Amino acid sequence: MCARCSAILATVVRTAGLFAVTNLDDIVILSLFFAQGSGEHGSARRVVAGQYLAFAVILAVAIGIAFGASFLPKEAIRYLGLIPITIGLRDAWKLWKNRQRGDGGAQAETTQGGPTVRKVAATTFGNGGDNIGVYVPVFDTVGTRGTISFAQRGDLILTPASCAASPPPATASTTGSTTT
C-alpha cells in the first residue's frame, strides 16, 4: 500500500473511532426518537434532519473553540475538558431548581407527528458536550486539514451511519398490535 493511501486509511479509521466513541449515547437517543415517531409520516426524516443539524452545530462550536484555543498556551488546552462538565452541572442545577414544574412543554412537541427537527437537534446538541470536549483538543492537534477531513467524513458519512445504527422503530402489523 502506498504511503498516501496508508495515511488516508489511518485518518479514516481515527475519524470513525472518534465519532463512534463520542456518539454511542446518540444511538440510544436516536432510537427513542425513532420510536416516538413510529408510524408517523415524515418522522424519520425529521429525526435524521435534526441529527444532521445538531452535528453541524456541534462541529462548528468545536472548530470555533479549537480556533480560539490556538491562542491559548498549550498547558491550558487540557482544561477545555471542563467545559462540558460545567455545562452538565449547570443543566443539572437548572433541572433540580425547576423539578416542581414538570415537563409539559417537551411532551407537547412530540404528541402530533413524532419529534420535531428542533426537538431532535436541541436534544442532540445538549447531549453533545462530550463530543465538543473530545473534538477540541483533537482539532487543535490535527490542524486545519485534519479538522476539515473529520468534518467531511463525520458529517457526510458517519452521521447517517449513526442514524442507521439505531434499532428500527416499531411498525404496526395488520392486527393493529405493535411489533419490533
Protein backbone atom coordinates (compact mmCIF):
# COMPACT_ATOMS: atom_id res chain seq x y z
CA MET A 1 0.00 0.00 0.00
CA CYS A 2 1.34 3.44 -0.91
CA ALA A 3 2.23 5.88 1.87
CA ARG A 4 -0.53 8.30 0.84
CA CYS A 5 -3.16 5.52 0.84
CA SER A 6 -1.94 4.36 4.22
CA ALA A 7 -2.22 7.89 5.64
CA ILE A 8 -5.73 8.29 4.23
CA LEU A 9 -6.80 4.94 5.69
CA ALA A 10 -5.33 5.87 9.08
CA THR A 11 -7.26 9.16 9.04
CA VAL A 12 -10.50 7.38 8.14
CA VAL A 13 -10.01 4.84 10.93
CA ARG A 14 -9.20 7.56 13.51
CA THR A 15 -12.20 9.61 12.40
CA ALA A 16 -14.55 6.62 12.61
CA GLY A 17 -13.18 5.65 16.02
CA LEU A 18 -13.51 9.16 17.44
CA PHE A 19 -17.00 9.52 16.04
CA ALA A 20 -18.09 6.10 17.37
CA VAL A 21 -16.74 6.69 20.87
CA THR A 22 -18.43 10.07 21.24
CA ASN A 23 -21.74 9.07 19.63
CA LEU A 24 -22.72 5.78 21.27
CA ASP A 25 -25.09 7.67 23.54
CA ASP A 26 -26.64 9.38 20.50
CA ILE A 27 -27.64 6.00 19.09
CA VAL A 28 -29.75 5.37 22.20
CA ILE A 29 -31.36 8.80 21.98
CA LEU A 30 -31.98 8.40 18.25
CA SER A 31 -33.66 5.06 18.92
CA LEU A 32 -36.03 6.79 21.32
CA PHE A 33 -36.84 9.50 18.78
CA PHE A 34 -37.45 6.92 16.04
CA ALA A 35 -39.72 5.02 18.42
CA GLN A 36 -41.65 8.19 19.32
CA GLY A 37 -42.36 8.84 15.66
CA SER A 38 -43.13 5.26 14.73
CA GLY A 39 -45.82 5.15 12.08
CA GLU A 40 -45.93 8.94 11.68
CA HIS A 41 -45.39 10.21 8.14
CA GLY A 42 -42.07 12.09 7.79
CA SER A 43 -40.97 11.40 11.33
CA ALA A 44 -37.78 9.52 10.40
CA ARG A 45 -36.83 12.34 8.02
CA ARG A 46 -37.23 14.89 10.83
CA VAL A 47 -35.10 12.79 13.19
CA VAL A 48 -32.29 12.50 10.63
CA ALA A 49 -32.53 16.22 9.76
CA GLY A 50 -32.35 17.11 13.45
CA GLN A 51 -29.34 14.87 13.91
CA TYR A 52 -27.54 16.47 10.93
CA LEU A 53 -28.37 19.97 12.15
CA ALA A 54 -27.14 19.25 15.67
CA PHE A 55 -23.94 17.57 14.48
CA ALA A 56 -23.18 20.54 12.20
CA VAL A 57 -23.63 22.92 15.14
CA ILE A 58 -21.50 20.69 17.40
CA LEU A 59 -18.74 20.70 14.77
CA ALA A 60 -18.99 24.48 14.31
CA VAL A 61 -18.75 25.07 18.07
CA ALA A 62 -15.83 22.65 18.43
CA ILE A 63 -13.99 24.22 15.48
CA GLY A 64 -14.60 27.69 16.88
CA ILE A 65 -13.33 26.71 20.30
CA ALA A 66 -10.33 24.92 18.78
CA PHE A 67 -9.53 28.05 16.76
CA GLY A 68 -9.81 30.16 19.89
CA ALA A 69 -7.72 27.60 21.78
CA SER A 70 -4.89 28.09 19.31
CA PHE A 71 -4.33 31.45 21.02
CA LEU A 72 -4.08 29.82 24.45
CA PRO A 73 -0.91 28.43 25.95
CA LYS A 74 -0.58 24.69 25.30
CA GLU A 75 -0.81 23.98 29.04
CA ALA A 76 -4.32 25.45 29.15
CA ILE A 77 -5.74 23.14 26.42
CA ARG A 78 -6.23 20.22 28.82
CA TYR A 79 -8.63 22.33 30.90
CA LEU A 80 -11.04 22.70 27.97
CA GLY A 81 -12.47 19.32 29.01
CA LEU A 82 -14.01 21.17 31.95
CA ILE A 83 -16.37 22.99 29.57
CA PRO A 84 -18.77 20.04 29.07
CA ILE A 85 -18.60 19.23 32.79
CA THR A 86 -19.54 22.81 33.61
CA ILE A 87 -22.39 22.77 31.08
CA GLY A 88 -23.65 19.48 32.54
CA LEU A 89 -23.50 20.77 36.10
CA ARG A 90 -25.32 23.96 35.07
CA ASP A 91 -28.06 21.95 33.33
CA ALA A 92 -28.35 19.60 36.32
CA TRP A 93 -28.72 22.64 38.59
CA LYS A 94 -31.49 24.03 36.35
CA LEU A 95 -33.30 20.69 36.38
CA TRP A 96 -33.02 20.42 40.15
CA LYS A 97 -34.17 24.01 40.63
CA ASN A 98 -37.18 23.54 38.31
CA ARG A 99 -38.10 19.98 39.35
CA GLN A 100 -41.56 21.03 40.59
CA ARG A 101 -42.63 22.50 37.23
CA GLY A 102 -42.91 19.18 35.40
CA ASP A 103 -42.23 18.50 31.72
CA GLY A 104 -45.33 19.95 29.99
CA GLY A 105 -43.69 21.74 27.02
CA ALA A 106 -41.39 18.95 25.91
CA GLN A 107 -44.21 16.42 25.67
CA ALA A 108 -46.35 18.74 23.53
CA GLU A 109 -43.68 18.78 20.80
CA THR A 110 -43.85 15.03 20.29
CA THR A 111 -47.56 14.29 20.60
CA GLN A 112 -48.53 15.01 16.99
CA GLY A 113 -46.46 13.51 14.17
CA GLY A 114 -43.50 12.42 16.25
CA PRO A 115 -40.49 14.51 17.30
CA THR A 116 -39.73 17.78 15.55
CA VAL A 117 -36.42 18.67 13.88
CA ARG A 118 -35.92 21.34 16.55
CA LYS A 119 -36.50 18.89 19.40
CA VAL A 120 -34.08 16.31 17.97
CA ALA A 121 -31.46 18.96 17.22
CA ALA A 122 -31.74 20.58 20.65
CA THR A 123 -31.56 17.25 22.45
CA THR A 124 -28.63 16.02 20.36
CA PHE A 125 -26.77 19.30 20.78
CA GLY A 126 -27.46 19.30 24.52
CA ASN A 127 -26.06 15.80 24.66
CA GLY A 128 -23.02 16.82 22.59
CA GLY A 129 -20.85 18.25 25.35
CA ASP A 130 -18.72 15.12 25.33
CA ASN A 131 -18.26 15.49 21.56
CA ILE A 132 -17.09 19.08 21.93
CA GLY A 133 -14.84 18.19 24.87
CA VAL A 134 -13.14 15.47 22.80
CA TYR A 135 -13.11 17.23 19.43
CA VAL A 136 -11.47 20.48 20.58
CA PRO A 137 -8.12 19.00 21.65
CA VAL A 138 -8.13 16.70 18.60
CA PHE A 139 -8.84 19.57 16.21
CA ASP A 140 -6.14 21.65 17.91
CA THR A 141 -3.67 18.79 17.38
CA VAL A 142 -4.52 17.76 13.78
CA GLY A 143 -4.68 21.27 12.35
CA THR A 144 -6.88 22.66 9.62
CA ARG A 145 -6.59 19.77 7.14
CA GLY A 146 -7.35 17.12 9.74
CA THR A 147 -10.31 19.13 11.05
CA ILE A 148 -11.76 19.52 7.54
CA SER A 149 -11.24 15.82 6.90
CA PHE A 150 -13.02 14.91 10.13
CA ALA A 151 -15.90 17.28 9.41
CA GLN A 152 -16.42 15.86 5.92
CA ARG A 153 -16.30 12.22 6.96
CA GLY A 154 -18.19 12.73 10.19
CA ASP A 155 -20.99 14.85 8.82
CA LEU A 156 -21.44 13.24 5.43
CA ILE A 157 -20.74 9.58 6.18
CA LEU A 158 -20.89 8.80 9.88
CA THR A 159 -23.98 10.82 10.85
CA PRO A 160 -26.27 8.73 8.62
CA ALA A 161 -24.44 5.63 9.86
CA SER A 162 -25.33 6.54 13.45
CA CYS A 163 -28.96 7.03 12.39
CA ALA A 164 -28.91 3.65 10.64
CA ALA A 165 -27.34 2.00 13.69
CA SER A 166 -30.37 2.92 15.78
CA PRO A 167 -32.76 -0.01 16.13
CA PRO A 168 -35.63 0.16 13.66
CA PRO A 169 -38.77 1.77 15.02
CA ALA A 170 -41.78 -0.36 15.82
CA THR A 171 -44.24 -0.77 12.97
CA ALA A 172 -47.92 -1.51 13.10
CA SER A 173 -48.87 -5.00 11.93
CA THR A 174 -52.11 -5.93 10.22
CA THR A 175 -53.66 -6.93 13.56
CA GLY A 176 -53.09 -3.45 14.94
CA SER A 177 -50.55 -4.53 17.54
CA THR A 178 -47.08 -3.04 17.65
CA THR A 179 -44.08 -5.17 16.73
CA THR A 180 -40.34 -4.55 16.54
